[in-house]
PDB file of N, CA and C in Angstrom:
ATOM      1  N   MET A   1       8.395  -8.716  21.136  1.00  0.00           N
ATOM      2  CA  MET A   1       9.202  -7.569  21.585  1.00  0.00           C
ATOM      3  C   MET A   1       8.373  -6.291  21.325  1.00  0.00           C
ATOM      4  N   ILE A   2       8.109  -5.464  22.380  1.00  0.00           N
ATOM      5  CA  ILE A   2       7.567  -4.059  22.212  1.00  0.00           C
ATOM      6  C   ILE A   2       8.739  -3.055  22.433  1.00  0.00           C
ATOM      7  N   ILE A   3       8.673  -2.198  21.373  1.00  0.00           N
ATOM      8  CA  ILE A   3       9.539  -1.115  21.481  1.00  0.00           C
ATOM      9  C   ILE A   3       8.779   0.201  21.706  1.00  0.00           C
ATOM     10  N   LEU A   4       9.054   0.841  22.907  1.00  0.00           N
ATOM     11  CA  LEU A   4       8.284   1.985  23.245  1.00  0.00           C
ATOM     12  C   LEU A   4       8.975   3.272  22.944  1.00  0.00           C
ATOM     13  N   GLY A   5      10.193   3.254  22.510  1.00  0.00           N
ATOM     14  CA  GLY A   5      10.957   4.491  22.158  1.00  0.00           C
ATOM     15  C   GLY A   5      10.411   4.994  20.903  1.00  0.00           C
ATOM     16  N   GLY A   6      10.854   6.307  20.628  1.00  0.00           N
ATOM     17  CA  GLY A   6      10.627   6.855  19.210  1.00  0.00           C
ATOM     18  C   GLY A   6      10.900   8.269  19.220  1.00  0.00           C
ATOM     19  N   GLY A   7      11.034   8.908  18.160  1.00  0.00           N
ATOM     20  CA  GLY A   7      11.450  10.260  18.059  1.00  0.00           C
ATOM     21  C   GLY A   7      10.112  11.127  17.772  1.00  0.00           C
ATOM     22  N   THR A   8      10.315  12.331  17.668  1.00  0.00           N
ATOM     23  CA  THR A   8       9.303  13.181  17.197  1.00  0.00           C
ATOM     24  C   THR A   8       8.890  13.105  15.800  1.00  0.00           C
ATOM     25  N   LEU A   9       7.497  12.925  15.480  1.00  0.00           N
ATOM     26  CA  LEU A   9       6.993  12.822  14.240  1.00  0.00           C
ATOM     27  C   LEU A   9       5.832  13.684  14.078  1.00  0.00           C
ATOM     28  N   ALA A  10       5.821  14.313  12.863  1.00  0.00           N
ATOM     29  CA  ALA A  10       4.790  15.430  12.551  1.00  0.00           C
ATOM     30  C   ALA A  10       3.376  14.568  12.182  1.00  0.00           C
ATOM     31  N   ILE A  11       2.666  14.313  12.987  1.00  0.00           N
ATOM     32  CA  ILE A  11       1.321  13.601  13.028  1.00  0.00           C
ATOM     33  C   ILE A  11       0.288  14.511  13.209  1.00  0.00           C
ATOM     34  N   THR A  12      -0.642  14.806  12.260  1.00  0.00           N
ATOM     35  CA  THR A  12      -1.807  15.439  12.391  1.00  0.00           C
ATOM     36  C   THR A  12      -2.836  14.661  12.958  1.00  0.00           C
ATOM     37  N   VAL A  13      -3.857  15.185  13.654  1.00  0.00           N
ATOM     38  CA  VAL A  13      -4.868  14.402  14.494  1.00  0.00           C
ATOM     39  C   VAL A  13      -5.695  13.585  13.591  1.00  0.00           C
ATOM     40  N   ASN A  14      -6.109  14.072  12.271  1.00  0.00           N
ATOM     41  CA  ASN A  14      -6.796  13.181  11.497  1.00  0.00           C
ATOM     42  C   ASN A  14      -5.929  12.686  10.404  1.00  0.00           C
ATOM     43  N   ARG A  15      -4.623  12.624  10.538  1.00  0.00           N
ATOM     44  CA  ARG A  15      -3.549  11.976   9.688  1.00  0.00           C
ATOM     45  C   ARG A  15      -3.553  12.579   8.302  1.00  0.00           C
ATOM     46  N   LEU A  16      -4.057  13.663   7.995  1.00  0.00           N
ATOM     47  CA  LEU A  16      -4.153  14.231   6.720  1.00  0.00           C
ATOM     48  C   LEU A  16      -3.268  15.373   6.714  1.00  0.00           C
ATOM     49  N   PRO A  17      -2.455  15.827   5.702  1.00  0.00           N
ATOM     50  CA  PRO A  17      -1.568  16.971   5.711  1.00  0.00           C
ATOM     51  C   PRO A  17      -2.323  18.406   5.726  1.00  0.00           C
ATOM     52  N   HIS A  18      -1.737  19.420   6.109  1.00  0.00           N
ATOM     53  CA  HIS A  18      -2.298  20.710   6.022  1.00  0.00           C
ATOM     54  C   HIS A  18      -1.719  21.265   4.803  1.00  0.00           C
ATOM     55  N   PHE A  19      -2.723  21.823   4.034  1.00  0.00           N
ATOM     56  CA  PHE A  19      -2.401  22.612   2.818  1.00  0.00           C
ATOM     57  C   PHE A  19      -2.920  24.016   3.089  1.00  0.00           C
ATOM     58  N   GLY A  20      -2.212  25.094   2.600  1.00  0.00           N
ATOM     59  CA  GLY A  20      -2.592  26.468   2.617  1.00  0.00           C
ATOM     60  C   GLY A  20      -1.711  27.436   1.860  1.00  0.00           C
ATOM     61  N   THR A  21      -2.118  28.596   2.049  1.00  0.00           N
ATOM     62  CA  THR A  21      -1.202  29.678   1.373  1.00  0.00           C
ATOM     63  C   THR A  21      -1.089  30.819   2.502  1.00  0.00           C
ATOM     64  N   LEU A  22       0.014  31.568   2.203  1.00  0.00           N
ATOM     65  CA  LEU A  22       0.170  32.820   3.088  1.00  0.00           C
ATOM     66  C   LEU A  22       0.517  33.952   2.230  1.00  0.00           C
ATOM     67  N   MET A  23       0.586  35.121   2.788  1.00  0.00           N
ATOM     68  CA  MET A  23       0.869  36.492   2.121  1.00  0.00           C
ATOM     69  C   MET A  23       0.123  36.568   0.813  1.00  0.00           C
ATOM     70  N   ASN A  24      -1.160  36.610   0.830  1.00  0.00           N
ATOM     71  CA  ASN A  24      -2.095  36.804  -0.156  1.00  0.00           C
ATOM     72  C   ASN A  24      -1.747  35.773  -1.266  1.00  0.00           C
ATOM     73  N   ASN A  25      -1.599  34.546  -1.058  1.00  0.00           N
ATOM     74  CA  ASN A  25      -1.552  33.411  -1.962  1.00  0.00           C
ATOM     75  C   ASN A  25       0.021  33.472  -2.548  1.00  0.00           C
ATOM     76  N   LYS A  26       0.945  34.069  -2.068  1.00  0.00           N
ATOM     77  CA  LYS A  26       2.265  34.207  -2.700  1.00  0.00           C
ATOM     78  C   LYS A  26       3.098  32.981  -2.123  1.00  0.00           C
ATOM     79  N   VAL A  27       2.843  32.446  -0.995  1.00  0.00           N
ATOM     80  CA  VAL A  27       3.492  31.438  -0.441  1.00  0.00           C
ATOM     81  C   VAL A  27       2.572  30.185  -0.202  1.00  0.00           C
ATOM     82  N   SER A  28       2.854  29.073  -0.765  1.00  0.00           N
ATOM     83  CA  SER A  28       2.051  27.824  -0.666  1.00  0.00           C
ATOM     84  C   SER A  28       2.823  26.783   0.389  1.00  0.00           C
ATOM     85  N   TYR A  29       2.110  26.169   1.089  1.00  0.00           N
ATOM     86  CA  TYR A  29       2.605  25.182   2.060  1.00  0.00           C
ATOM     87  C   TYR A  29       1.860  23.926   2.214  1.00  0.00           C
ATOM     88  N   ALA A  30       2.510  22.959   2.667  1.00  0.00           N
ATOM     89  CA  ALA A  30       1.849  21.592   2.947  1.00  0.00           C
ATOM     90  C   ALA A  30       2.804  20.911   4.075  1.00  0.00           C
ATOM     91  N   PHE A  31       2.165  20.332   5.167  1.00  0.00           N
ATOM     92  CA  PHE A  31       3.001  19.832   6.217  1.00  0.00           C
ATOM     93  C   PHE A  31       2.241  18.818   6.952  1.00  0.00           C
ATOM     94  N   GLY A  32       2.837  17.962   7.810  1.00  0.00           N
ATOM     95  CA  GLY A  32       2.053  17.148   8.667  1.00  0.00           C
ATOM     96  C   GLY A  32       1.750  15.784   7.776  1.00  0.00           C
ATOM     97  N   TYR A  33       2.752  15.026   7.273  1.00  0.00           N
ATOM     98  CA  TYR A  33       2.466  13.988   6.411  1.00  0.00           C
ATOM     99  C   TYR A  33       2.251  12.851   7.279  1.00  0.00           C
ATOM    100  N   SER A  34       2.287  12.821   8.581  1.00  0.00           N
ATOM    101  CA  SER A  34       1.934  11.770   9.576  1.00  0.00           C
ATOM    102  C   SER A  34       2.659  10.468   9.168  1.00  0.00           C
ATOM    103  N   GLY A  35       3.966  10.438   8.752  1.00  0.00           N
ATOM    104  CA  GLY A  35       4.697   9.342   8.584  1.00  0.00           C
ATOM    105  C   GLY A  35       4.560   8.791   7.113  1.00  0.00           C
ATOM    106  N   HIS A  36       3.893   9.465   6.202  1.00  0.00           N
ATOM    107  CA  HIS A  36       3.712   9.119   4.784  1.00  0.00           C
ATOM    108  C   HIS A  36       4.408  10.181   3.994  1.00  0.00           C
ATOM    109  N   GLY A  37       5.566  10.722   4.364  1.00  0.00           N
ATOM    110  CA  GLY A  37       6.090  11.855   3.684  1.00  0.00           C
ATOM    111  C   GLY A  37       6.484  11.725   2.323  1.00  0.00           C
ATOM    112  N   LEU A  38       7.093  10.416   1.979  1.00  0.00           N
ATOM    113  CA  LEU A  38       7.526  10.171   0.595  1.00  0.00           C
ATOM    114  C   LEU A  38       6.475  10.326  -0.230  1.00  0.00           C
ATOM    115  N   ALA A  39       5.284   9.544  -0.171  1.00  0.00           N
ATOM    116  CA  ALA A  39       4.162   9.559  -1.054  1.00  0.00           C
ATOM    117  C   ALA A  39       3.438  10.861  -1.085  1.00  0.00           C
ATOM    118  N   LEU A  40       3.124  11.307   0.128  1.00  0.00           N
ATOM    119  CA  LEU A  40       2.325  12.628   0.293  1.00  0.00           C
ATOM    120  C   LEU A  40       3.015  13.936  -0.019  1.00  0.00           C
ATOM    121  N   SER A  41       4.376  13.919   0.132  1.00  0.00           N
ATOM    122  CA  SER A  41       5.071  15.048  -0.182  1.00  0.00           C
ATOM    123  C   SER A  41       5.269  15.258  -1.839  1.00  0.00           C
ATOM    124  N   VAL A  42       5.225  14.105  -2.464  1.00  0.00           N
ATOM    125  CA  VAL A  42       5.294  14.112  -3.948  1.00  0.00           C
ATOM    126  C   VAL A  42       3.884  14.680  -4.446  1.00  0.00           C
ATOM    127  N   LEU A  43       2.788  14.264  -3.848  1.00  0.00           N
ATOM    128  CA  LEU A  43       1.444  14.747  -4.099  1.00  0.00           C
ATOM    129  C   LEU A  43       1.393  16.209  -3.778  1.00  0.00           C
ATOM    130  N   ALA A  44       1.891  16.632  -2.634  1.00  0.00           N
ATOM    131  CA  ALA A  44       1.765  18.011  -2.218  1.00  0.00           C
ATOM    132  C   ALA A  44       2.409  18.900  -3.195  1.00  0.00           C
ATOM    133  N   GLY A  45       3.642  18.399  -3.637  1.00  0.00           N
ATOM    134  CA  GLY A  45       4.488  19.179  -4.634  1.00  0.00           C
ATOM    135  C   GLY A  45       3.669  19.441  -5.877  1.00  0.00           C
ATOM    136  N   LYS A  46       3.073  18.422  -6.303  1.00  0.00           N
ATOM    137  CA  LYS A  46       2.300  18.530  -7.573  1.00  0.00           C
ATOM    138  C   LYS A  46       0.951  19.387  -7.308  1.00  0.00           C
ATOM    139  N   LEU A  47       0.434  19.323  -6.354  1.00  0.00           N
ATOM    140  CA  LEU A  47      -0.809  20.135  -6.067  1.00  0.00           C
ATOM    141  C   LEU A  47      -0.373  21.630  -5.872  1.00  0.00           C
ATOM    142  N   ILE A  48       0.719  21.842  -5.238  1.00  0.00           N
ATOM    143  CA  ILE A  48       1.280  23.312  -5.234  1.00  0.00           C
ATOM    144  C   ILE A  48       1.579  23.789  -6.487  1.00  0.00           C
ATOM    145  N   ALA A  49       2.181  23.041  -7.339  1.00  0.00           N
ATOM    146  CA  ALA A  49       2.623  23.393  -8.729  1.00  0.00           C
ATOM    147  C   ALA A  49       1.244  23.832  -9.571  1.00  0.00           C
ATOM    148  N   GLU A  50       0.300  22.875  -9.377  1.00  0.00           N
ATOM    149  CA  GLU A  50      -0.874  23.108  -9.994  1.00  0.00           C
ATOM    150  C   GLU A  50      -1.563  24.455  -9.645  1.00  0.00           C
ATOM    151  N   ASN A  51      -1.540  24.584  -8.279  1.00  0.00           N
ATOM    152  CA  ASN A  51      -2.010  25.947  -7.620  1.00  0.00           C
ATOM    153  C   ASN A  51      -1.366  27.116  -8.277  1.00  0.00           C
ATOM    154  N   ILE A  52      -0.067  26.987  -8.329  1.00  0.00           N
ATOM    155  CA  ILE A  52       0.645  28.158  -8.759  1.00  0.00           C
ATOM    156  C   ILE A  52       0.383  28.485 -10.305  1.00  0.00           C
ATOM    157  N   ASN A  53       0.195  27.409 -11.086  1.00  0.00           N
ATOM    158  CA  ASN A  53      -0.142  27.558 -12.473  1.00  0.00           C
ATOM    159  C   ASN A  53      -1.564  27.881 -12.648  1.00  0.00           C
ATOM    160  N   GLY A  54      -2.424  28.091 -11.626  1.00  0.00           N
ATOM    161  CA  GLY A  54      -3.871  28.576 -11.819  1.00  0.00           C
ATOM    162  C   GLY A  54      -4.882  27.509 -11.822  1.00  0.00           C
ATOM    163  N   ASP A  55      -4.484  26.334 -11.707  1.00  0.00           N
ATOM    164  CA  ASP A  55      -5.458  25.208 -11.401  1.00  0.00           C
ATOM    165  C   ASP A  55      -5.657  24.969  -9.994  1.00  0.00           C
ATOM    166  N   HIS A  56      -6.562  25.612  -9.382  1.00  0.00           N
ATOM    167  CA  HIS A  56      -6.668  25.628  -7.936  1.00  0.00           C
ATOM    168  C   HIS A  56      -7.580  24.525  -7.362  1.00  0.00           C
ATOM    169  N   GLU A  57      -8.112  23.728  -8.221  1.00  0.00           N
ATOM    170  CA  GLU A  57      -9.281  22.786  -7.689  1.00  0.00           C
ATOM    171  C   GLU A  57      -8.782  21.734  -6.587  1.00  0.00           C
ATOM    172  N   ARG A  58      -7.667  21.073  -7.035  1.00  0.00           N
ATOM    173  CA  ARG A  58      -7.184  19.906  -6.141  1.00  0.00           C
ATOM    174  C   ARG A  58      -6.597  20.518  -4.858  1.00  0.00           C
ATOM    175  N   PHE A  59      -5.709  21.567  -5.032  1.00  0.00           N
ATOM    176  CA  PHE A  59      -5.190  22.241  -3.864  1.00  0.00           C
ATOM    177  C   PHE A  59      -6.223  22.676  -2.978  1.00  0.00           C
ATOM    178  N   LYS A  60      -7.154  23.479  -3.550  1.00  0.00           N
ATOM    179  CA  LYS A  60      -8.290  23.843  -2.585  1.00  0.00           C
ATOM    180  C   LYS A  60      -9.075  22.702  -1.760  1.00  0.00           C
ATOM    181  N   PHE A  61      -9.175  21.624  -2.654  1.00  0.00           N
ATOM    182  CA  PHE A  61      -9.843  20.545  -1.823  1.00  0.00           C
ATOM    183  C   PHE A  61      -9.098  20.110  -0.503  1.00  0.00           C
ATOM    184  N   PHE A  62      -7.731  20.059  -0.717  1.00  0.00           N
ATOM    185  CA  PHE A  62      -7.112  19.835   0.614  1.00  0.00           C
ATOM    186  C   PHE A  62      -7.029  20.977   1.630  1.00  0.00           C
ATOM    187  N   SER A  63      -6.939  22.229   1.040  1.00  0.00           N
ATOM    188  CA  SER A  63      -6.739  23.335   2.041  1.00  0.00           C
ATOM    189  C   SER A  63      -8.117  23.570   2.694  1.00  0.00           C
ATOM    190  N   ASP A  64      -9.170  23.150   2.095  1.00  0.00           N
ATOM    191  CA  ASP A  64     -10.552  23.280   2.690  1.00  0.00           C
ATOM    192  C   ASP A  64     -10.812  22.293   3.899  1.00  0.00           C
ATOM    193  N   ILE A  65      -9.952  21.413   4.114  1.00  0.00           N
ATOM    194  CA  ILE A  65     -10.219  20.358   5.092  1.00  0.00           C
ATOM    195  C   ILE A  65     -10.296  21.019   6.445  1.00  0.00           C
ATOM    196  N   ASN A  66     -11.234  20.683   7.265  1.00  0.00           N
ATOM    197  CA  ASN A  66     -11.323  21.248   8.644  1.00  0.00           C
ATOM    198  C   ASN A  66     -10.597  20.400   9.502  1.00  0.00           C
ATOM    199  N   HIS A  67      -9.326  20.805   9.977  1.00  0.00           N
ATOM    200  CA  HIS A  67      -8.418  19.902  10.698  1.00  0.00           C
ATOM    201  C   HIS A  67      -8.700  20.087  12.167  1.00  0.00           C
ATOM    202  N   MET A  68      -8.693  18.986  12.983  1.00  0.00           N
ATOM    203  CA  MET A  68      -8.930  18.992  14.397  1.00  0.00           C
ATOM    204  C   MET A  68      -7.672  19.365  15.050  1.00  0.00           C
ATOM    205  N   SER A  69      -7.686  19.810  16.378  1.00  0.00           N
ATOM    206  CA  SER A  69      -6.642  19.971  17.119  1.00  0.00           C
ATOM    207  C   SER A  69      -6.870  19.250  18.515  1.00  0.00           C
ATOM    208  N   ILE A  70      -5.789  19.078  19.092  1.00  0.00           N
ATOM    209  CA  ILE A  70      -5.911  18.362  20.536  1.00  0.00           C
ATOM    210  C   ILE A  70      -6.254  19.403  21.387  1.00  0.00           C
ATOM    211  N   PRO A  71      -7.354  19.327  22.219  1.00  0.00           N
ATOM    212  CA  PRO A  71      -7.647  20.204  23.234  1.00  0.00           C
ATOM    213  C   PRO A  71      -6.558  20.602  24.261  1.00  0.00           C
ATOM    214  N   LEU A  72      -6.305  21.792  24.559  1.00  0.00           N
ATOM    215  CA  LEU A  72      -5.022  22.140  25.344  1.00  0.00           C
ATOM    216  C   LEU A  72      -3.828  21.390  24.956  1.00  0.00           C
ATOM    217  N   GLY A  73      -3.671  21.534  23.551  1.00  0.00           N
ATOM    218  CA  GLY A  73      -2.509  20.714  22.913  1.00  0.00           C
ATOM    219  C   GLY A  73      -1.144  20.812  23.576  1.00  0.00           C
ATOM    220  N   SER A  74      -0.921  21.970  23.956  1.00  0.00           N
ATOM    221  CA  SER A  74       0.538  22.116  24.655  1.00  0.00           C
ATOM    222  C   SER A  74       0.565  21.244  26.038  1.00  0.00           C
ATOM    223  N   ILE A  75      -0.422  21.033  26.709  1.00  0.00           N
ATOM    224  CA  ILE A  75      -0.435  20.360  27.946  1.00  0.00           C
ATOM    225  C   ILE A  75      -0.679  18.798  27.661  1.00  0.00           C
ATOM    226  N   PHE A  76      -1.612  18.463  26.771  1.00  0.00           N
ATOM    227  CA  PHE A  76      -2.009  17.000  26.483  1.00  0.00           C
ATOM    228  C   PHE A  76      -1.442  16.372  25.317  1.00  0.00           C
ATOM    229  N   ARG A  77      -0.890  17.130  24.406  1.00  0.00           N
ATOM    230  CA  ARG A  77      -0.323  16.490  23.281  1.00  0.00           C
ATOM    231  C   ARG A  77       0.616  15.304  23.497  1.00  0.00           C
ATOM    232  N   ARG A  78       1.715  15.408  24.379  1.00  0.00           N
ATOM    233  CA  ARG A  78       2.657  14.272  24.499  1.00  0.00           C
ATOM    234  C   ARG A  78       1.887  13.084  25.212  1.00  0.00           C
ATOM    235  N   PRO A  79       1.094  13.328  26.425  1.00  0.00           N
ATOM    236  CA  PRO A  79       0.567  12.139  27.020  1.00  0.00           C
ATOM    237  C   PRO A  79      -0.475  11.349  26.022  1.00  0.00           C
ATOM    238  N   ILE A  80      -1.258  12.213  25.276  1.00  0.00           N
ATOM    239  CA  ILE A  80      -2.154  11.551  24.341  1.00  0.00           C
ATOM    240  C   ILE A  80      -1.460  10.792  23.102  1.00  0.00           C
ATOM    241  N   TYR A  81      -0.422  11.465  22.568  1.00  0.00           N
ATOM    242  CA  TYR A  81       0.364  10.869  21.675  1.00  0.00           C
ATOM    243  C   TYR A  81       1.022   9.460  22.182  1.00  0.00           C
ATOM    244  N   SER A  82       1.670   9.652  23.386  1.00  0.00           N
ATOM    245  CA  SER A  82       2.280   8.406  23.896  1.00  0.00           C
ATOM    246  C   SER A  82       1.273   7.387  24.158  1.00  0.00           C
ATOM    247  N   SER A  83       0.152   7.609  24.680  1.00  0.00           N
ATOM    248  CA  SER A  83      -0.818   6.684  25.013  1.00  0.00           C
ATOM    249  C   SER A  83      -1.262   5.936  23.713  1.00  0.00           C
ATOM    250  N   ALA A  84      -1.518   6.697  22.723  1.00  0.00           N
ATOM    251  CA  ALA A  84      -1.924   6.140  21.342  1.00  0.00           C
ATOM    252  C   ALA A  84      -0.878   5.261  20.760  1.00  0.00           C
ATOM    253  N   ILE A  85       0.281   5.583  20.795  1.00  0.00           N
ATOM    254  CA  ILE A  85       1.388   4.850  20.343  1.00  0.00           C
ATOM    255  C   ILE A  85       1.441   3.544  21.131  1.00  0.00           C
ATOM    256  N   LEU A  86       1.505   3.607  22.506  1.00  0.00           N
ATOM    257  CA  LEU A  86       1.524   2.444  23.341  1.00  0.00           C
ATOM    258  C   LEU A  86       0.393   1.432  22.979  1.00  0.00           C
ATOM    259  N   TYR A  87      -0.780   2.137  22.879  1.00  0.00           N
ATOM    260  CA  TYR A  87      -2.102   1.282  22.611  1.00  0.00           C
ATOM    261  C   TYR A  87      -1.815   0.355  21.356  1.00  0.00           C
ATOM    262  N   TYR A  88      -1.441   1.153  20.208  1.00  0.00           N
ATOM    263  CA  TYR A  88      -1.238   0.377  18.940  1.00  0.00           C
ATOM    264  C   TYR A  88      -0.116  -0.489  18.898  1.00  0.00           C
ATOM    265  N   LYS A  89       0.945  -0.273  19.601  1.00  0.00           N
ATOM    266  CA  LYS A  89       1.963  -1.224  19.796  1.00  0.00           C
ATOM    267  C   LYS A  89       1.628  -2.555  20.446  1.00  0.00           C
ATOM    268  N   ILE A  90       0.872  -2.300  21.555  1.00  0.00           N
ATOM    269  CA  ILE A  90       0.341  -3.579  22.300  1.00  0.00           C
ATOM    270  C   ILE A  90      -0.622  -4.302  21.397  1.00  0.00           C
ATOM    271  N   ARG A  91      -1.457  -3.618  20.711  1.00  0.00           N
ATOM    272  CA  ARG A  91      -2.483  -4.168  19.777  1.00  0.00           C
ATOM    273  C   ARG A  91      -1.741  -5.017  18.690  1.00  0.00           C
ATOM    274  N   ASP A  92      -0.759  -4.431  18.121  1.00  0.00           N
ATOM    275  CA  ASP A  92       0.083  -4.960  17.053  1.00  0.00           C
ATOM    276  C   ASP A  92       0.696  -6.375  17.664  1.00  0.00           C
ATOM    277  N   TYR A  93       1.239  -6.195  18.813  1.00  0.00           N
ATOM    278  CA  TYR A  93       1.989  -7.285  19.438  1.00  0.00           C
ATOM    279  C   TYR A  93       0.957  -8.379  19.800  1.00  0.00           C
ATOM    280  N   LEU A  94      -0.236  -8.203  20.212  1.00  0.00           N
ATOM    281  CA  LEU A  94      -1.183  -9.181  20.578  1.00  0.00           C
ATOM    282  C   LEU A  94      -1.659  -9.824  19.297  1.00  0.00           C
ATOM    283  N   ASN A  95      -1.735  -9.072  18.072  1.00  0.00           N
ATOM    284  CA  ASN A  95      -2.176  -9.577  16.882  1.00  0.00           C
ATOM    285  C   ASN A  95      -1.279 -10.396  16.202  1.00  0.00           C
ATOM    286  N   SER A  96       0.000 -10.344  16.472  1.00  0.00           N
ATOM    287  CA  SER A  96       1.059 -11.006  15.677  1.00  0.00           C
ATOM    288  C   SER A  96       1.332 -12.424  16.158  1.00  0.00           C
TER     289      SER A  96
END
């Protein structure tokens, strides 16, 4: 059985979360856990805490990642996402 429905999910193109700071490093953020929120949000919280406490090395490693974006994302985001989901669902079905 192939299930084609699904809700909106925060998936980044390279499947890695975005880390960064705003307002002269007064606000730290991490988002886009690509379906791995439980594990990666715990790691993100730890890295944000380290960054706040002055240990910037691991947070900086993630914040320096050059993230890709979908060209003309507002137009092609949904069709590309839907096509990729369908491709992997069919592939999983054929391999089971």
